[in-house]
Structures are given as structure tokens and as C-alpha cells.
Amino acid sequence: MMKIKLGLSFSVLAIFFDLNVQTCSNYFFDTVSVLAQVLKCMIFWPDKETILKNMPKCFKGFEHTRVILDGFEIPIQRSKCVRCRVRSYSHYKKKFTAKCLMICTPSGFICLICRACGGRASDKFITKHSGVLELCDFGEGVMVDKGFAIDDECDEFCLRLIRPPFLRKNKFSKSESVQCAKIARARVHVERVIQRVREYAFLKNQVPWNLVPCLDDVLIIVSALVNLGPPILANDRF
């Protein structure tokens, strides 16, 4: 947990616990997979009734929203493999990253964790292969940012796509401006969830290449701990 929360190196941990550096590394790799399996039960897909009972006031007009999607990137070390470098280079961040998809309910509960992809992967690709759209019921809403071009995928599963309008003719109409503000006011909660996830230094600092294979397990552990923490919204916001 000190490695995940504080991002300490194995050399520092070896001094703290009076162990060999390799022993610390072995303990981490052995324990992180077990801990992920134990905490995985804290990340689950809630039923529709539970989501409606915990619908925040800022979602007025978007009560049919089932999940909010947003992506975030974790910096990783440059790989010696050329193919891995191509897949992990993010043109948006201008460095090597692993891209993750954050899927949470309107109340800020992380309900699904997907495998991390290379920084080159698009938001559309990650969403399509996450399986989140298949879990939604007919007519439910999926709230996303402008970068998610998943119109066809939502139409395929008969889902409502809630996305801010695109700027046309260098200005928004009055109705588009109001709609954009309402969506931004509701969608900001997924950013607060990502902020809590990034409080763990392992997912904030550059991840060494030898630790990339355990990145998915660390994401599960951190997401479960965020769900176990205090709620994103106060009681008077529901």
C-alpha cells in the first residue's frame, strides 16, 4: 500500500522494512494480484433502481443517465520494444502512456474497470471493447465528453448519447449554450472521481516498464478504495 499510495521505490521500502530489494519486489507482485481479487467485489454494476434512488439534483433532465464515461492517461516508461513504443505513444500527451476508461454512475460510484490500453488507442476503441454498452438497458443514457465518437455504437444498442454540442460557425446558439452548461455541471463528477484515483502516486507518477503488467490490478485496488471512501457528493446534493 505504501508503494501504491506514496509511489516509493523498492529500494526505499527495503530500508523501511529491513528487507532485500528483490524481496520487496517479489512481495509486491505476489500481493497485488491477491489484493485485487479480494477488493474486486467493491466494484459492481448497480441495478437501475439503485441508480435512480441516488440520482444527484444536477442530473435534472438527464434522469435516464446510466453511466458517465471519461478517459485518463497514466505516464509509463519508454519500452525497449519498438512495437510497444508505437502502441503506447500518446500524441495528445506527447509521451508514452497507458490509457484507462473511467466508468461511474451519476452519484460517482465506480461501477466497472476495463483493461488499460496503450496511449495510442482512441476513446471510441476503448469504449467499444470495454463491454459497458452491452450492460446498459434499452433507452438508457451514456454521458461522455466531445472526444467520444460513439454515435453508431450507441445506436446499435438503442442507447441515448448525452454529449456536449459541437461548436458550429464559431458560436453556440442559446439553447446549445444552456445544454452544454447543464451537461458540464453533471459530468464534472467523473473528473472528481479521476482526481481521487490520481491521489495515489502509483497512477500519477511515471510507471516503470517492469510494473506495467500489474497496472490493471493496481487500478482495481485503487478504484475499490475510492468506492470505500467518503462519497463524492454531500447528502444535500441528492
Protein backbone atom coordinates (compact mmCIF):
# COMPACT_ATOMS: atom_id res chain seq x y z
CA MET A 1 0.00 0.00 0.00
CA MET A 2 2.93 2.36 0.59
CA LYS A 3 4.10 1.58 -2.94
CA ILE A 4 0.66 2.34 -4.41
CA LYS A 5 -0.19 5.37 -2.28
CA LEU A 6 3.18 7.09 -1.99
CA GLY A 7 4.98 5.73 -5.06
CA LEU A 8 8.09 4.81 -3.08
CA SER A 9 10.80 2.81 -4.81
CA PHE A 10 11.59 -0.74 -3.76
CA SER A 11 14.98 0.48 -2.51
CA VAL A 12 13.31 2.85 -0.04
CA LEU A 13 10.79 0.21 1.04
CA ALA A 14 13.65 -2.25 1.59
CA ILE A 15 15.21 0.19 4.08
CA PHE A 16 11.91 0.81 5.89
CA PHE A 17 11.13 -2.87 6.36
CA ASP A 18 14.71 -4.14 6.63
CA LEU A 19 14.37 -6.41 3.61
CA ASN A 20 16.23 -7.14 0.40
CA VAL A 21 15.18 -5.04 -2.63
CA GLN A 22 14.32 -8.16 -4.63
CA THR A 23 12.27 -9.50 -1.71
CA CYS A 24 10.23 -6.26 -1.63
CA SER A 25 9.63 -6.57 -5.35
CA ASN A 26 8.52 -10.19 -5.03
CA TYR A 27 6.16 -9.34 -2.16
CA PHE A 28 4.57 -6.56 -4.21
CA PHE A 29 3.96 -8.67 -7.32
CA ASP A 30 2.61 -11.59 -5.26
CA THR A 31 0.33 -9.48 -3.08
CA VAL A 32 -1.09 -7.02 -5.61
CA SER A 33 -2.86 -9.75 -7.61
CA VAL A 34 -4.37 -11.29 -4.46
CA LEU A 35 -5.46 -7.90 -3.14
CA ALA A 36 -7.10 -7.08 -6.47
CA GLN A 37 -9.14 -10.29 -6.30
CA VAL A 38 -10.22 -9.52 -2.73
CA LEU A 39 -11.28 -5.92 -3.47
CA LYS A 40 -12.86 -6.63 -6.85
CA CYS A 41 -16.22 -7.22 -5.15
CA MET A 42 -16.38 -3.50 -4.27
CA ILE A 43 -16.68 -2.63 -7.97
CA PHE A 44 -20.02 -3.86 -9.28
CA TRP A 45 -22.77 -2.93 -11.73
CA PRO A 46 -25.70 -1.50 -9.69
CA ASP A 47 -29.31 -2.05 -10.75
CA LYS A 48 -31.41 0.70 -12.29
CA GLU A 49 -33.49 1.26 -9.13
CA THR A 50 -30.36 1.91 -7.04
CA ILE A 51 -29.08 4.46 -9.55
CA LEU A 52 -32.42 6.30 -9.60
CA LYS A 53 -32.53 6.42 -5.78
CA ASN A 54 -29.06 8.03 -5.74
CA MET A 55 -29.54 10.47 -8.62
CA PRO A 56 -27.95 13.88 -7.87
CA LYS A 57 -30.01 17.06 -8.31
CA CYS A 58 -27.67 18.33 -11.04
CA PHE A 59 -28.89 15.49 -13.28
CA LYS A 60 -32.33 17.05 -13.60
CA GLY A 61 -33.28 16.49 -17.23
CA PHE A 62 -30.80 13.60 -17.51
CA GLU A 63 -32.52 11.11 -15.20
CA HIS A 64 -32.14 8.38 -17.82
CA THR A 65 -28.32 8.51 -17.47
CA ARG A 66 -26.90 5.11 -16.51
CA VAL A 67 -23.15 5.75 -16.64
CA ILE A 68 -20.63 8.54 -17.22
CA LEU A 69 -17.53 7.76 -19.26
CA ASP A 70 -14.21 9.56 -19.33
CA GLY A 71 -10.66 8.57 -20.17
CA PHE A 72 -7.42 9.39 -18.39
CA GLU A 73 -3.81 8.59 -19.13
CA ILE A 74 -1.05 7.28 -16.88
CA PRO A 75 2.58 8.04 -17.87
CA ILE A 76 4.71 4.96 -18.35
CA GLN A 77 8.39 4.37 -19.04
CA ARG A 78 9.61 4.12 -22.62
CA SER A 79 9.82 0.49 -23.71
CA LYS A 80 12.74 -1.12 -25.49
CA CYS A 81 10.28 -2.85 -27.82
CA VAL A 82 9.52 -0.77 -30.92
CA ARG A 83 6.00 -2.21 -31.26
CA CYS A 84 5.23 -1.38 -27.64
CA ARG A 85 6.51 2.16 -28.12
CA VAL A 86 4.23 2.65 -31.11
CA ARG A 87 1.18 1.40 -29.22
CA SER A 88 1.88 3.36 -26.04
CA TYR A 89 2.83 6.76 -27.50
CA SER A 90 0.12 9.35 -26.91
CA HIS A 91 0.03 12.18 -29.46
CA TYR A 92 -2.22 14.11 -27.07
CA LYS A 93 0.19 13.92 -24.11
CA LYS A 94 3.32 13.81 -26.29
CA LYS A 95 4.75 10.95 -24.23
CA PHE A 96 4.31 7.24 -23.54
CA THR A 97 1.15 6.50 -21.59
CA ALA A 98 -1.39 3.84 -20.68
CA LYS A 99 -4.98 4.94 -21.32
CA CYS A 100 -7.76 3.92 -18.95
CA LEU A 101 -11.52 4.33 -19.15
CA MET A 102 -13.32 5.58 -16.03
CA ILE A 103 -16.90 4.28 -15.82
CA CYS A 104 -19.01 5.56 -12.95
CA THR A 105 -22.65 6.13 -12.04
CA PRO A 106 -24.17 9.64 -11.75
CA SER A 107 -23.52 9.53 -7.99
CA GLY A 108 -19.77 8.97 -8.54
CA PHE A 109 -19.59 5.22 -7.82
CA ILE A 110 -17.03 3.38 -9.96
CA CYS A 111 -19.06 0.51 -11.41
CA LEU A 112 -16.71 -1.05 -13.97
CA ILE A 113 -12.97 -1.32 -14.56
CA CYS A 114 -11.56 -2.04 -18.01
CA ARG A 115 -8.11 -3.21 -19.00
CA ALA A 116 -5.65 -0.40 -19.67
CA CYS A 117 -4.69 0.19 -23.30
CA GLY A 118 -1.77 1.91 -24.96
CA GLY A 119 -1.87 5.69 -25.21
CA ARG A 120 -2.40 5.44 -28.96
CA ALA A 121 -5.84 3.84 -28.52
CA SER A 122 -8.81 6.12 -29.11
CA ASP A 123 -11.66 6.65 -26.66
CA LYS A 124 -14.00 5.02 -29.16
CA PHE A 125 -11.85 1.87 -29.36
CA ILE A 126 -11.60 1.54 -25.57
CA THR A 127 -15.33 2.08 -25.09
CA LYS A 128 -16.21 -0.47 -27.77
CA HIS A 129 -14.03 -3.16 -26.21
CA SER A 130 -14.94 -2.39 -22.60
CA GLY A 131 -18.38 -4.02 -22.88
CA VAL A 132 -20.07 -1.18 -20.99
CA LEU A 133 -22.61 -0.51 -23.73
CA GLU A 134 -23.79 -4.14 -23.69
CA LEU A 135 -24.53 -3.83 -19.95
CA CYS A 136 -26.86 -0.86 -20.39
CA ASP A 137 -30.58 -1.42 -20.94
CA PHE A 138 -32.72 -0.18 -23.83
CA GLY A 139 -33.12 3.62 -23.90
CA GLU A 140 -30.66 4.40 -21.10
CA GLY A 141 -28.25 7.31 -21.37
CA VAL A 142 -24.46 7.34 -21.64
CA MET A 143 -22.86 10.69 -20.77
CA VAL A 144 -19.50 11.42 -22.41
CA ASP A 145 -17.18 14.21 -23.46
CA LYS A 146 -16.82 15.54 -27.01
CA GLY A 147 -13.91 13.19 -27.75
CA PHE A 148 -16.13 10.09 -27.63
CA ALA A 149 -17.35 9.48 -31.19
CA ILE A 150 -19.59 6.55 -30.27
CA ASP A 151 -22.78 7.58 -32.04
CA ASP A 152 -23.02 4.39 -34.11
CA GLU A 153 -22.25 2.14 -31.14
CA CYS A 154 -25.00 3.76 -29.05
CA ASP A 155 -27.46 3.46 -31.92
CA GLU A 156 -26.60 -0.24 -32.24
CA PHE A 157 -27.64 -0.87 -28.62
CA CYS A 158 -30.51 1.67 -28.69
CA LEU A 159 -28.89 3.95 -26.10
CA ARG A 160 -29.09 7.70 -25.68
CA LEU A 161 -25.80 9.54 -26.16
CA ILE A 162 -25.51 12.59 -23.90
CA ARG A 163 -22.65 14.71 -25.21
CA PRO A 164 -21.98 18.46 -25.33
CA PRO A 165 -22.84 20.03 -28.71
CA PHE A 166 -20.01 20.76 -31.14
CA LEU A 167 -19.14 24.36 -31.98
CA ARG A 168 -20.50 25.38 -35.37
CA LYS A 169 -19.99 28.73 -37.15
CA ASN A 170 -17.70 29.86 -34.29
CA LYS A 171 -20.56 30.25 -31.80
CA PHE A 172 -23.21 28.34 -29.90
CA SER A 173 -26.88 29.09 -30.10
CA LYS A 174 -28.63 29.98 -26.85
CA SER A 175 -30.14 26.51 -26.48
CA GLU A 176 -26.77 24.85 -27.22
CA SER A 177 -25.04 27.02 -24.62
CA VAL A 178 -27.60 26.08 -21.97
CA GLN A 179 -27.35 22.39 -22.91
CA CYS A 180 -23.54 22.49 -22.79
CA ALA A 181 -23.59 24.08 -19.32
CA LYS A 182 -26.08 21.51 -17.97
CA ILE A 183 -24.02 18.58 -19.24
CA ALA A 184 -20.77 20.07 -17.91
CA ARG A 185 -22.37 20.62 -14.48
CA ALA A 186 -23.42 16.96 -14.36
CA ARG A 187 -20.33 15.41 -15.99
CA VAL A 188 -17.86 17.17 -13.71
CA HIS A 189 -18.33 14.43 -11.09
CA VAL A 190 -16.41 11.89 -13.16
CA GLU A 191 -13.49 14.34 -13.13
CA ARG A 192 -13.66 14.41 -9.34
CA VAL A 193 -13.56 10.60 -9.29
CA ILE A 194 -10.47 10.62 -11.53
CA GLN A 195 -8.91 13.21 -9.22
CA ARG A 196 -9.34 10.85 -6.27
CA VAL A 197 -7.80 8.00 -8.26
CA ARG A 198 -4.82 10.18 -9.12
CA GLU A 199 -4.17 10.89 -5.44
CA TYR A 200 -2.42 7.52 -5.45
CA ALA A 201 1.12 8.27 -6.59
CA PHE A 202 1.49 4.95 -8.43
CA LEU A 203 -1.07 6.15 -11.01
CA LYS A 204 0.16 9.75 -11.02
CA ASN A 205 3.90 9.35 -11.50
CA GLN A 206 5.63 7.55 -14.35
CA VAL A 207 5.18 3.80 -14.03
CA PRO A 208 8.38 1.78 -14.66
CA TRP A 209 8.07 -0.64 -17.55
CA ASN A 210 8.54 -3.70 -15.33
CA LEU A 211 5.47 -2.66 -13.30
CA VAL A 212 3.17 -2.11 -16.30
CA PRO A 213 1.90 -5.75 -16.22
CA CYS A 214 0.37 -5.16 -12.76
CA LEU A 215 -1.25 -1.86 -13.75
CA ASP A 216 -4.71 -3.42 -14.15
CA ASP A 217 -4.56 -4.93 -10.66
CA VAL A 218 -3.50 -1.60 -9.18
CA LEU A 219 -6.41 0.12 -10.93
CA ILE A 220 -8.83 -2.35 -9.33
CA ILE A 221 -7.31 -1.81 -5.87
CA VAL A 222 -7.38 1.99 -6.14
CA SER A 223 -10.91 2.08 -7.58
CA ALA A 224 -12.20 -0.16 -4.78
CA LEU A 225 -10.56 2.07 -2.17
CA VAL A 226 -12.14 5.15 -3.78
CA ASN A 227 -15.55 3.46 -3.59
CA LEU A 228 -14.94 2.65 0.08
CA GLY A 229 -14.01 6.27 0.81
CA PRO A 230 -16.37 9.19 1.51
CA PRO A 231 -18.92 9.93 -1.24
CA ILE A 232 -18.15 12.46 -3.98
CA LEU A 233 -21.30 14.49 -3.24
CA ALA A 234 -22.77 15.69 0.05
CA ASN A 235 -26.14 14.36 1.21
CA ASP A 236 -27.95 17.61 0.33
CA ARG A 237 -26.94 17.22 -3.34
CA PHE A 238 -29.25 14.21 -3.86
